[in-house]
C-alpha atoms as a PDB file:
ATOM      1  CA  MET A   1     -15.873  -2.995 -80.593  1.00  0.00           C
ATOM      2  CA  ASP A   2     -13.585  -1.004 -82.843  1.00  0.00           C
ATOM      3  CA  LEU A   3     -12.792   2.656 -82.271  1.00  0.00           C
ATOM      4  CA  LEU A   4     -15.475   4.217 -84.427  1.00  0.00           C
ATOM      5  CA  THR A   5     -18.210   1.850 -83.233  1.00  0.00           C
ATOM      6  CA  THR A   6     -17.313   2.593 -79.614  1.00  0.00           C
ATOM      7  CA  ILE A   7     -17.518   6.326 -80.225  1.00  0.00           C
ATOM      8  CA  HIS A   8     -20.845   6.003 -82.027  1.00  0.00           C
ATOM      9  CA  ASN A   9     -22.366   3.853 -79.284  1.00  0.00           C
ATOM     10  CA  GLN A  10     -21.151   5.573 -76.132  1.00  0.00           C
ATOM     11  CA  GLY A  11     -18.536   8.240 -76.797  1.00  0.00           C
ATOM     12  CA  LEU A  12     -14.975   8.028 -75.519  1.00  0.00           C
ATOM     13  CA  ILE A  13     -12.960   9.262 -72.544  1.00  0.00           C
ATOM     14  CA  LEU A  14      -9.573  10.750 -73.462  1.00  0.00           C
ATOM     15  CA  ASP A  15      -6.616  11.001 -71.112  1.00  0.00           C
ATOM     16  CA  GLY A  16      -4.997  14.164 -69.727  1.00  0.00           C
ATOM     17  CA  ALA A  17      -1.620  15.884 -69.795  1.00  0.00           C
ATOM     18  CA  MET A  18       1.573  13.905 -70.255  1.00  0.00           C
ATOM     19  CA  SER A  19       3.784  16.723 -68.964  1.00  0.00           C
ATOM     20  CA  ASP A  20       2.190  16.993 -65.535  1.00  0.00           C
ATOM     21  CA  GLU A  21       2.378  13.241 -64.973  1.00  0.00           C
ATOM     22  CA  LEU A  22       6.032  13.092 -65.981  1.00  0.00           C
ATOM     23  CA  GLU A  23       6.859  15.993 -63.698  1.00  0.00           C
ATOM     24  CA  LYS A  24       5.136  14.226 -60.797  1.00  0.00           C
ATOM     25  CA  GLN A  25       7.549  11.350 -61.393  1.00  0.00           C
ATOM     26  CA  GLY A  26      10.518  13.717 -61.294  1.00  0.00           C
ATOM     27  CA  VAL A  27      11.073  13.870 -65.047  1.00  0.00           C
ATOM     28  CA  PRO A  28      12.056  17.402 -66.159  1.00  0.00           C
ATOM     29  CA  THR A  29      10.111  18.812 -69.108  1.00  0.00           C
ATOM     30  CA  ASN A  30      11.276  22.451 -69.173  1.00  0.00           C
ATOM     31  CA  ASN A  31      13.271  22.136 -72.386  1.00  0.00           C
ATOM     32  CA  ARG A  32      12.737  22.459 -76.154  1.00  0.00           C
ATOM     33  CA  LEU A  33      11.816  18.776 -76.452  1.00  0.00           C
ATOM     34  CA  TRP A  34       9.310  19.093 -73.604  1.00  0.00           C
ATOM     35  CA  THR A  35       7.787  15.669 -72.854  1.00  0.00           C
ATOM     36  CA  ALA A  36       9.587  14.078 -75.812  1.00  0.00           C
ATOM     37  CA  ALA A  37      12.836  14.278 -73.827  1.00  0.00           C
ATOM     38  CA  ALA A  38      11.483  11.425 -71.692  1.00  0.00           C
ATOM     39  CA  LEU A  39      11.558   9.076 -74.681  1.00  0.00           C
ATOM     40  CA  LYS A  40      15.335   8.719 -74.337  1.00  0.00           C
ATOM     41  CA  ASP A  41      15.941   7.845 -70.699  1.00  0.00           C
ATOM     42  CA  ASN A  42      12.527   7.831 -68.995  1.00  0.00           C
ATOM     43  CA  LEU A  43      10.396   5.565 -71.162  1.00  0.00           C
ATOM     44  CA  GLN A  44       9.130   3.723 -68.083  1.00  0.00           C
ATOM     45  CA  ALA A  45       7.768   7.019 -66.749  1.00  0.00           C
ATOM     46  CA  VAL A  46       5.852   7.494 -70.018  1.00  0.00           C
ATOM     47  CA  TYR A  47       4.462   3.979 -69.604  1.00  0.00           C
ATOM     48  CA  GLN A  48       3.428   4.765 -66.030  1.00  0.00           C
ATOM     49  CA  ALA A  49       1.650   7.941 -67.123  1.00  0.00           C
ATOM     50  CA  HIS A  50      -0.346   5.992 -69.720  1.00  0.00           C
ATOM     51  CA  TRP A  51      -1.127   3.303 -67.148  1.00  0.00           C
ATOM     52  CA  ASP A  52      -2.333   5.814 -64.557  1.00  0.00           C
ATOM     53  CA  TYR A  53      -4.730   7.328 -67.080  1.00  0.00           C
ATOM     54  CA  LEU A  54      -6.069   3.918 -68.071  1.00  0.00           C
ATOM     55  CA  GLN A  55      -6.665   3.092 -64.419  1.00  0.00           C
ATOM     56  CA  ALA A  56      -8.463   6.420 -64.000  1.00  0.00           C
ATOM     57  CA  GLY A  57     -10.876   5.503 -66.812  1.00  0.00           C
ATOM     58  CA  ALA A  58      -9.289   6.793 -70.017  1.00  0.00           C
ATOM     59  CA  GLN A  59     -10.362   4.847 -73.091  1.00  0.00           C
ATOM     60  CA  LEU A  60      -8.162   6.704 -75.604  1.00  0.00           C
ATOM     61  CA  ILE A  61      -4.568   7.434 -74.586  1.00  0.00           C
ATOM     62  CA  ILE A  62      -2.444   9.828 -76.619  1.00  0.00           C
ATOM     63  CA  THR A  63       1.166   9.032 -77.486  1.00  0.00           C
ATOM     64  CA  ASP A  64       4.062  11.153 -76.274  1.00  0.00           C
ATOM     65  CA  THR A  65       4.789  12.400 -79.799  1.00  0.00           C
ATOM     66  CA  TYR A  66       3.296  15.895 -79.688  1.00  0.00           C
ATOM     67  CA  GLN A  67       6.725  17.542 -79.519  1.00  0.00           C
ATOM     68  CA  ALA A  68       8.580  14.515 -80.925  1.00  0.00           C
ATOM     69  CA  ASN A  69       9.385  15.792 -84.402  1.00  0.00           C
ATOM     70  CA  ILE A  70      12.570  15.117 -86.334  1.00  0.00           C
ATOM     71  CA  PRO A  71      13.899  18.728 -86.486  1.00  0.00           C
ATOM     72  CA  ALA A  72      13.505  19.123 -82.712  1.00  0.00           C
ATOM     73  CA  PHE A  73      15.443  15.934 -82.025  1.00  0.00           C
ATOM     74  CA  ILE A  74      18.177  16.945 -84.472  1.00  0.00           C
ATOM     75  CA  LYS A  75      18.503  20.326 -82.734  1.00  0.00           C
ATOM     76  CA  ALA A  76      18.860  18.401 -79.484  1.00  0.00           C
ATOM     77  CA  GLY A  77      21.793  16.428 -80.884  1.00  0.00           C
ATOM     78  CA  TYR A  78      20.188  13.255 -82.224  1.00  0.00           C
ATOM     79  CA  ASN A  79      20.493  12.041 -85.796  1.00  0.00           C
ATOM     80  CA  GLU A  80      17.440  11.284 -87.937  1.00  0.00           C
ATOM     81  CA  GLN A  81      17.539   7.535 -87.347  1.00  0.00           C
ATOM     82  CA  GLU A  82      17.774   7.992 -83.583  1.00  0.00           C
ATOM     83  CA  ALA A  83      14.857  10.430 -83.724  1.00  0.00           C
ATOM     84  CA  LYS A  84      12.716   7.947 -85.622  1.00  0.00           C
ATOM     85  CA  GLU A  85      13.542   5.234 -83.083  1.00  0.00           C
ATOM     86  CA  LEU A  86      12.421   7.493 -80.229  1.00  0.00           C
ATOM     87  CA  ILE A  87       9.160   8.261 -82.044  1.00  0.00           C
ATOM     88  CA  THR A  88       8.634   4.560 -82.683  1.00  0.00           C
ATOM     89  CA  ASN A  89       9.205   3.842 -78.990  1.00  0.00           C
ATOM     90  CA  ALA A  90       6.585   6.416 -78.035  1.00  0.00           C
ATOM     91  CA  VAL A  91       3.871   4.596 -79.976  1.00  0.00           C
ATOM     92  CA  LYS A  92       5.059   1.171 -78.842  1.00  0.00           C
ATOM     93  CA  ILE A  93       5.032   2.122 -75.146  1.00  0.00           C
ATOM     94  CA  ALA A  94       1.473   3.467 -75.386  1.00  0.00           C
ATOM     95  CA  LYS A  95       0.309   0.283 -77.107  1.00  0.00           C
ATOM     96  CA  LYS A  96       2.148  -1.802 -74.506  1.00  0.00           C
ATOM     97  CA  ALA A  97       0.343  -0.004 -71.674  1.00  0.00           C
ATOM     98  CA  ARG A  98      -2.984  -0.418 -73.472  1.00  0.00           C
ATOM     99  CA  ASP A  99      -2.407  -4.138 -74.128  1.00  0.00           C
ATOM    100  CA  ASN A 100      -1.147  -4.896 -70.612  1.00  0.00           C
ATOM    101  CA  PHE A 101      -4.164  -3.101 -69.160  1.00  0.00           C
ATOM    102  CA  GLN A 102      -6.462  -5.215 -71.298  1.00  0.00           C
ATOM    103  CA  ARG A 103      -4.744  -8.417 -70.150  1.00  0.00           C
ATOM    104  CA  LYS A 104      -5.233  -7.351 -66.534  1.00  0.00           C
ATOM    105  CA  THR A 105      -8.789  -6.017 -66.738  1.00  0.00           C
ATOM    106  CA  GLY A 106     -10.355  -7.368 -69.933  1.00  0.00           C
ATOM    107  CA  LYS A 107     -11.090  -3.792 -71.043  1.00  0.00           C
ATOM    108  CA  HIS A 108     -10.039  -2.903 -74.581  1.00  0.00           C
ATOM    109  CA  ASN A 109      -8.943   0.688 -75.061  1.00  0.00           C
ATOM    110  CA  PHE A 110      -7.346   2.668 -77.886  1.00  0.00           C
ATOM    111  CA  VAL A 111      -4.202   4.597 -78.800  1.00  0.00           C
ATOM    112  CA  ALA A 112      -4.153   7.919 -80.650  1.00  0.00           C
ATOM    113  CA  ALA A 113      -0.829   9.041 -82.119  1.00  0.00           C
ATOM    114  CA  SER A 114      -0.268  12.736 -81.504  1.00  0.00           C
ATOM    115  CA  VAL A 115       0.792  15.019 -84.348  1.00  0.00           C
ATOM    116  CA  GLY A 116       1.638  18.429 -82.933  1.00  0.00           C
ATOM    117  CA  SER A 117       1.861  21.613 -84.968  1.00  0.00           C
ATOM    118  CA  TYR A 118       4.868  23.379 -86.442  1.00  0.00           C
ATOM    119  CA  GLY A 119       4.098  26.022 -83.833  1.00  0.00           C
ATOM    120  CA  ALA A 120       4.860  23.490 -81.095  1.00  0.00           C
ATOM    121  CA  TYR A 121       8.273  22.853 -82.657  1.00  0.00           C
ATOM    122  CA  LEU A 122       9.031  26.583 -82.419  1.00  0.00           C
ATOM    123  CA  ALA A 123       8.711  26.165 -78.627  1.00  0.00           C
ATOM    124  CA  ASN A 124       7.587  29.745 -78.088  1.00  0.00           C
ATOM    125  CA  GLY A 125       3.865  29.301 -77.510  1.00  0.00           C
ATOM    126  CA  ASN A 126       3.020  29.569 -81.206  1.00  0.00           C
ATOM    127  CA  GLU A 127       0.476  26.752 -80.993  1.00  0.00           C
ATOM    128  CA  PHE A 128      -1.672  29.390 -79.277  1.00  0.00           C
ATOM    129  CA  CYS A 129      -1.314  32.107 -81.921  1.00  0.00           C
ATOM    130  CA  GLY A 130      -0.242  30.537 -85.223  1.00  0.00           C
ATOM    131  CA  ASP A 131       2.139  33.364 -86.073  1.00  0.00           C
ATOM    132  CA  TYR A 132       3.898  31.527 -88.907  1.00  0.00           C
ATOM    133  CA  ASN A 133       3.201  30.766 -92.559  1.00  0.00           C
ATOM    134  CA  LEU A 134       4.583  27.830 -94.519  1.00  0.00           C
ATOM    135  CA  THR A 135       3.592  26.433 -97.886  1.00  0.00           C
ATOM    136  CA  PRO A 136       1.852  23.033 -98.015  1.00  0.00           C
ATOM    137  CA  ASP A 137       5.106  21.440 -99.186  1.00  0.00           C
ATOM    138  CA  GLU A 138       7.022  23.037 -96.322  1.00  0.00           C
ATOM    139  CA  TYR A 139       4.488  21.718 -93.825  1.00  0.00           C
ATOM    140  CA  LEU A 140       4.858  18.239 -95.301  1.00  0.00           C
ATOM    141  CA  ASP A 141       8.660  18.451 -95.222  1.00  0.00           C
ATOM    142  CA  PHE A 142       8.351  19.112 -91.508  1.00  0.00           C
ATOM    143  CA  HIS A 143       5.635  16.588 -90.670  1.00  0.00           C
ATOM    144  CA  LEU A 144       6.105  13.561 -92.917  1.00  0.00           C
ATOM    145  CA  PRO A 145       9.188  11.974 -91.326  1.00  0.00           C
ATOM    146  CA  ARG A 146       7.356  11.769 -87.996  1.00  0.00           C
ATOM    147  CA  LEU A 147       3.978  10.993 -89.526  1.00  0.00           C
ATOM    148  CA  LYS A 148       5.244   8.095 -91.626  1.00  0.00           C
ATOM    149  CA  THR A 149       7.157   6.695 -88.645  1.00  0.00           C
ATOM    150  CA  ILE A 150       4.033   6.848 -86.491  1.00  0.00           C
ATOM    151  CA  ILE A 151       1.821   5.193 -89.105  1.00  0.00           C
ATOM    152  CA  THR A 152       4.145   2.187 -89.420  1.00  0.00           C
ATOM    153  CA  GLN A 153       3.363   1.422 -85.765  1.00  0.00           C
ATOM    154  CA  GLN A 154      -0.371   1.170 -86.501  1.00  0.00           C
ATOM    155  CA  PRO A 155      -2.011   3.319 -83.831  1.00  0.00           C
ATOM    156  CA  ASP A 156      -5.798   3.198 -83.712  1.00  0.00           C
ATOM    157  CA  CYS A 157      -6.035   6.772 -84.983  1.00  0.00           C
ATOM    158  CA  LEU A 158      -4.106   9.986 -85.496  1.00  0.00           C
ATOM    159  CA  ALA A 159      -4.637  13.026 -83.288  1.00  0.00           C
ATOM    160  CA  ILE A 160      -3.744  16.117 -85.315  1.00  0.00           C
ATOM    161  CA  GLU A 161      -3.991  18.227 -82.193  1.00  0.00           C
ATOM    162  CA  THR A 162      -3.388  21.643 -80.650  1.00  0.00           C
ATOM    163  CA  GLN A 163      -3.409  23.174 -84.116  1.00  0.00           C
ATOM    164  CA  PRO A 164      -3.588  26.966 -84.537  1.00  0.00           C
ATOM    165  CA  LYS A 165      -3.813  27.036 -88.356  1.00  0.00           C
ATOM    166  CA  LEU A 166      -6.207  25.460 -90.843  1.00  0.00           C
ATOM    167  CA  THR A 167      -3.666  25.527 -93.688  1.00  0.00           C
ATOM    168  CA  GLU A 168      -1.295  23.275 -91.772  1.00  0.00           C
ATOM    169  CA  VAL A 169      -4.033  20.758 -91.041  1.00  0.00           C
ATOM    170  CA  THR A 170      -5.321  20.680 -94.604  1.00  0.00           C
ATOM    171  CA  ALA A 171      -1.788  19.996 -95.878  1.00  0.00           C
ATOM    172  CA  LEU A 172      -1.688  16.925 -93.631  1.00  0.00           C
ATOM    173  CA  LEU A 173      -5.225  15.791 -94.391  1.00  0.00           C
ATOM    174  CA  THR A 174      -4.733  16.117 -98.143  1.00  0.00           C
ATOM    175  CA  TRP A 175      -1.601  13.968 -97.978  1.00  0.00           C
ATOM    176  CA  LEU A 176      -3.329  11.400 -95.762  1.00  0.00           C
ATOM    177  CA  ALA A 177      -6.353  11.205 -98.062  1.00  0.00           C
ATOM    178  CA  LYS A 178      -4.073  10.339-100.969  1.00  0.00           C
ATOM    179  CA  ASN A 179      -1.547   8.104 -99.212  1.00  0.00           C
ATOM    180  CA  GLU A 180      -3.076   6.674 -96.006  1.00  0.00           C
ATOM    181  CA  PRO A 181      -6.865   6.953 -96.364  1.00  0.00           C
ATOM    182  CA  GLN A 182      -7.549   3.958 -94.131  1.00  0.00           C
ATOM    183  CA  ILE A 183      -6.359   5.460 -90.842  1.00  0.00           C
ATOM    184  CA  PRO A 184      -8.963   7.329 -88.760  1.00  0.00           C
ATOM    185  CA  VAL A 185      -8.076  10.900 -87.853  1.00  0.00           C
ATOM    186  CA  TYR A 186      -9.371  13.582 -85.569  1.00  0.00           C
ATOM    187  CA  ALA A 187      -8.402  17.233 -85.900  1.00  0.00           C
ATOM    188  CA  SER A 188      -8.354  19.522 -82.889  1.00  0.00           C
ATOM    189  CA  PHE A 189      -7.603  23.245 -82.782  1.00  0.00           C
ATOM    190  CA  THR A 190      -6.652  25.919 -80.279  1.00  0.00           C
ATOM    191  CA  LEU A 191      -8.910  28.943 -80.018  1.00  0.00           C
ATOM    192  CA  HIS A 192      -8.675  32.721 -80.171  1.00  0.00           C
ATOM    193  CA  ASP A 193     -12.286  32.947 -78.995  1.00  0.00           C
ATOM    194  CA  THR A 194     -15.481  30.903 -79.287  1.00  0.00           C
ATOM    195  CA  VAL A 195     -15.837  31.417 -83.039  1.00  0.00           C
ATOM    196  CA  ARG A 196     -12.209  31.634 -84.262  1.00  0.00           C
ATOM    197  CA  ILE A 197      -9.171  29.406 -83.996  1.00  0.00           C
ATOM    198  CA  SER A 198      -5.888  30.895 -82.838  1.00  0.00           C
ATOM    199  CA  ASP A 199      -4.744  32.443 -86.121  1.00  0.00           C
ATOM    200  CA  GLY A 200      -8.123  34.144 -86.589  1.00  0.00           C
ATOM    201  CA  THR A 201      -9.691  31.705 -89.064  1.00  0.00           C
ATOM    202  CA  SER A 202     -13.397  31.250 -88.353  1.00  0.00           C
ATOM    203  CA  LEU A 203     -14.513  27.972 -86.796  1.00  0.00           C
ATOM    204  CA  LYS A 204     -17.169  27.861 -89.498  1.00  0.00           C
ATOM    205  CA  LYS A 205     -14.520  27.777 -92.218  1.00  0.00           C
ATOM    206  CA  VAL A 206     -12.421  25.269 -90.279  1.00  0.00           C
ATOM    207  CA  VAL A 207     -15.258  22.823 -89.792  1.00  0.00           C
ATOM    208  CA  GLU A 208     -16.644  23.175 -93.300  1.00  0.00           C
ATOM    209  CA  THR A 209     -13.169  22.479 -94.687  1.00  0.00           C
ATOM    210  CA  VAL A 210     -12.554  19.458 -92.457  1.00  0.00           C
ATOM    211  CA  ASN A 211     -15.948  18.088 -93.541  1.00  0.00           C
ATOM    212  CA  ASN A 212     -14.386  17.406 -96.951  1.00  0.00           C
ATOM    213  CA  TYR A 213     -12.136  14.670 -95.534  1.00  0.00           C
ATOM    214  CA  PRO A 214     -14.059  11.416 -94.917  1.00  0.00           C
ATOM    215  CA  GLN A 215     -11.344   9.819 -92.779  1.00  0.00           C
ATOM    216  CA  VAL A 216     -11.713  12.599 -90.199  1.00  0.00           C
ATOM    217  CA  PHE A 217     -14.172  11.145 -87.703  1.00  0.00           C
ATOM    218  CA  ALA A 218     -14.083  14.038 -85.231  1.00  0.00           C
ATOM    219  CA  VAL A 219     -13.229  17.720 -85.107  1.00  0.00           C
ATOM    220  CA  GLY A 220     -12.904  19.911 -82.062  1.00  0.00           C
ATOM    221  CA  VAL A 221     -10.744  21.948 -79.696  1.00  0.00           C
ATOM    222  CA  ASN A 222      -8.101  21.275 -77.084  1.00  0.00           C
ATOM    223  CA  CYS A 223      -5.787  23.086 -74.680  1.00  0.00           C
ATOM    224  CA  VAL A 224      -8.347  25.878 -74.419  1.00  0.00           C
ATOM    225  CA  LYS A 225      -9.968  27.507 -71.412  1.00  0.00           C
ATOM    226  CA  PRO A 226     -12.935  25.474 -70.156  1.00  0.00           C
ATOM    227  CA  THR A 227     -15.195  28.527 -70.451  1.00  0.00           C
ATOM    228  CA  LEU A 228     -14.725  28.459 -74.228  1.00  0.00           C
ATOM    229  CA  VAL A 229     -15.705  24.821 -74.659  1.00  0.00           C
ATOM    230  CA  THR A 230     -19.517  24.844 -74.637  1.00  0.00           C
ATOM    231  CA  PRO A 231     -19.864  27.852 -76.981  1.00  0.00           C
ATOM    232  CA  ALA A 232     -17.279  26.296 -79.318  1.00  0.00           C
ATOM    233  CA  ILE A 233     -19.176  22.997 -79.366  1.00  0.00           C
ATOM    234  CA  LYS A 234     -22.368  24.805 -80.281  1.00  0.00           C
ATOM    235  CA  THR A 235     -20.575  26.638 -83.091  1.00  0.00           C
ATOM    236  CA  ILE A 236     -18.991  23.450 -84.433  1.00  0.00           C
ATOM    237  CA  ARG A 237     -22.258  21.533 -84.301  1.00  0.00           C
ATOM    238  CA  GLN A 238     -23.894  24.038 -86.644  1.00  0.00           C
ATOM    239  CA  PHE A 239     -21.564  23.024 -89.470  1.00  0.00           C
ATOM    240  CA  THR A 240     -20.853  19.305 -89.127  1.00  0.00           C
ATOM    241  CA  ASP A 241     -22.338  15.903 -88.411  1.00  0.00           C
ATOM    242  CA  LYS A 242     -18.928  14.538 -87.414  1.00  0.00           C
ATOM    243  CA  GLU A 243     -18.203  13.698 -83.811  1.00  0.00           C
ATOM    244  CA  ILE A 244     -16.891  16.544 -81.666  1.00  0.00           C
ATOM    245  CA  VAL A 245     -13.776  16.163 -79.508  1.00  0.00           C
ATOM    246  CA  VAL A 246     -12.894  18.505 -76.636  1.00  0.00           C
ATOM    247  CA  TYR A 247     -10.138  18.388 -74.064  1.00  0.00           C
ATOM    248  CA  PRO A 248      -9.518  21.722 -72.351  1.00  0.00           C
ATOM    249  CA  ASN A 249      -6.816  22.684 -69.900  1.00  0.00           C
ATOM    250  CA  GLN A 250      -7.637  23.990 -66.428  1.00  0.00           C
ATOM    251  CA  GLY A 251      -7.875  27.584 -67.596  1.00  0.00           C
ATOM    252  CA  TYR A 252      -4.317  28.517 -66.669  1.00  0.00           C
ATOM    253  CA  ALA A 253      -2.316  30.987 -68.776  1.00  0.00           C
ATOM    254  CA  TYR A 254       0.801  29.722 -70.559  1.00  0.00           C
ATOM    255  CA  ASP A 255       4.057  31.650 -70.105  1.00  0.00           C
ATOM    256  CA  SER A 256       6.122  30.917 -73.225  1.00  0.00           C
ATOM    257  CA  PHE A 257       9.250  32.482 -71.655  1.00  0.00           C
ATOM    258  CA  SER A 258       9.383  30.200 -68.613  1.00  0.00           C
ATOM    259  CA  LYS A 259       7.518  27.399 -70.439  1.00  0.00           C
ATOM    260  CA  THR A 260       5.208  27.023 -67.455  1.00  0.00           C
ATOM    261  CA  TRP A 261       1.494  27.389 -66.770  1.00  0.00           C
ATOM    262  CA  LEU A 262       0.491  30.253 -64.473  1.00  0.00           C
ATOM    263  CA  LYS A 263      -2.055  28.804 -62.096  1.00  0.00           C
ATOM    264  CA  ILE A 264      -5.368  30.307 -61.087  1.00  0.00           C
ATOM    265  CA  LYS A 265      -7.106  29.805 -57.759  1.00  0.00           C
ATOM    266  CA  ARG A 266     -10.309  28.299 -59.128  1.00  0.00           C
ATOM    267  CA  THR A 267      -9.986  25.030 -61.003  1.00  0.00           C
ATOM    268  CA  THR A 268     -12.545  23.460 -63.324  1.00  0.00           C
ATOM    269  CA  ASP A 269     -15.069  20.848 -62.243  1.00  0.00           C
ATOM    270  CA  PHE A 270     -14.583  18.301 -65.015  1.00  0.00           C
ATOM    271  CA  TYR A 271     -17.472  16.185 -63.705  1.00  0.00           C
ATOM    272  CA  GLN A 272     -20.025  18.941 -64.270  1.00  0.00           C
ATOM    273  CA  GLY A 273     -18.176  20.191 -67.332  1.00  0.00           C
ATOM    274  CA  THR A 274     -18.339  16.780 -68.973  1.00  0.00           C
ATOM    275  CA  LYS A 275     -22.094  16.579 -68.483  1.00  0.00           C
ATOM    276  CA  GLU A 276     -22.507  20.011 -70.041  1.00  0.00           C
ATOM    277  CA  TRP A 277     -20.151  19.324 -72.949  1.00  0.00           C
ATOM    278  CA  TYR A 278     -21.711  15.934 -73.678  1.00  0.00           C
ATOM    279  CA  GLU A 279     -25.184  17.445 -73.701  1.00  0.00           C
ATOM    280  CA  ALA A 280     -23.970  20.181 -76.049  1.00  0.00           C
ATOM    281  CA  GLY A 281     -22.769  17.531 -78.501  1.00  0.00           C
ATOM    282  CA  ALA A 282     -19.164  16.539 -77.699  1.00  0.00           C
ATOM    283  CA  HIS A 283     -18.844  12.792 -77.147  1.00  0.00           C
ATOM    284  CA  LEU A 284     -15.047  12.552 -77.023  1.00  0.00           C
ATOM    285  CA  ILE A 285     -13.942  14.325 -73.848  1.00  0.00           C
ATOM    286  CA  GLY A 286     -10.659  14.549 -71.974  1.00  0.00           C
ATOM    287  CA  GLY A 287      -8.184  16.981 -70.451  1.00  0.00           C
ATOM    288  CA  CYS A 288      -5.091  18.724 -71.754  1.00  0.00           C
ATOM    289  CA  CYS A 289      -2.245  20.612 -70.054  1.00  0.00           C
ATOM    290  CA  THR A 290      -2.522  20.967 -66.249  1.00  0.00           C
ATOM    291  CA  THR A 291      -5.006  18.086 -66.006  1.00  0.00           C
ATOM    292  CA  GLY A 292      -4.285  14.593 -64.705  1.00  0.00           C
ATOM    293  CA  PRO A 293      -5.873  11.308 -63.628  1.00  0.00           C
ATOM    294  CA  GLU A 294      -8.036  13.167 -61.100  1.00  0.00           C
ATOM    295  CA  GLN A 295      -9.821  14.958 -63.950  1.00  0.00           C
ATOM    296  CA  THR A 296     -10.007  11.717 -65.940  1.00  0.00           C
ATOM    297  CA  ARG A 297     -11.814  10.095 -63.025  1.00  0.00           C
ATOM    298  CA  GLU A 298     -14.270  13.012 -62.921  1.00  0.00           C
ATOM    299  CA  ILE A 299     -14.944  12.606 -66.648  1.00  0.00           C
ATOM    300  CA  ALA A 300     -15.391   8.834 -66.233  1.00  0.00           C
ATOM    301  CA  ARG A 301     -17.850   9.347 -63.366  1.00  0.00           C
ATOM    302  CA  ALA A 302     -19.896  11.707 -65.525  1.00  0.00           C
ATOM    303  CA  PHE A 303     -19.844   9.224 -68.425  1.00  0.00           C
ATOM    304  CA  GLN A 304     -21.167   6.499 -66.141  1.00  0.00           C
ATOM    305  CA  GLU A 305     -24.095   8.682 -65.144  1.00  0.00           C
ATOM    306  CA  ILE A 306     -24.724   9.863 -68.699  1.00  0.00           C
END
């Protein structure tokens, strides 16, 4: 089955955090490039992270391109061609893990290419507040070198994810509708609360706007507290017939100064959470920062029972 048929028939299990899995392998991520730094000298660790998620039950793995944008690489000392090669490698290594897993198990899974926000590039936690304003052309100047590089590698879909601003997403979607209308896309936002995304725009407005783009097959939220997920799903469902995607973090608070997550004592039961979120209407479910293969296995167990 292709991606959209699979989602329609049974839903889809997404993977979890790349950063946590790299750190478990001894790969440092506390830098402006974050997980994208691994694309230079630790590509095998990226492969292993994808493989571990596939073994845990993930059916859609997300490329290590969230923070892999051209300006960030240039600030880190790379030239534009080197940056594009690293981005290319990120998509290739995810597809290699997916294809090798299929050869071993017979299970066909999918690759989503991550497109992180301009706020992620700022590396100050702005993907959780959206405290910036660019024109549509400025957004495209930032995004298109990475986006075009990703598309040449033919991922199964694009994940325009962890987005705090509707205007940034619509700039991307408008360009895609005109230039690359064939590639499936999902759009996922961070939240201020259960009815507003991070910059204060209402979820109602967000969803109604995204409805205007036929190639967007799913809309939802990610890297949000698990307690926000079910109410957000119910809000989203009021305004769209598209699929809903959710992949929360563990509920930890992000410290933008230390670039670390401040842990809480009580972690989320992703097995029970998945059942609740699926019943509420989200059929693409995974984990984000601070989650790993353990949570993926919990989601997969819930999917089996559902």
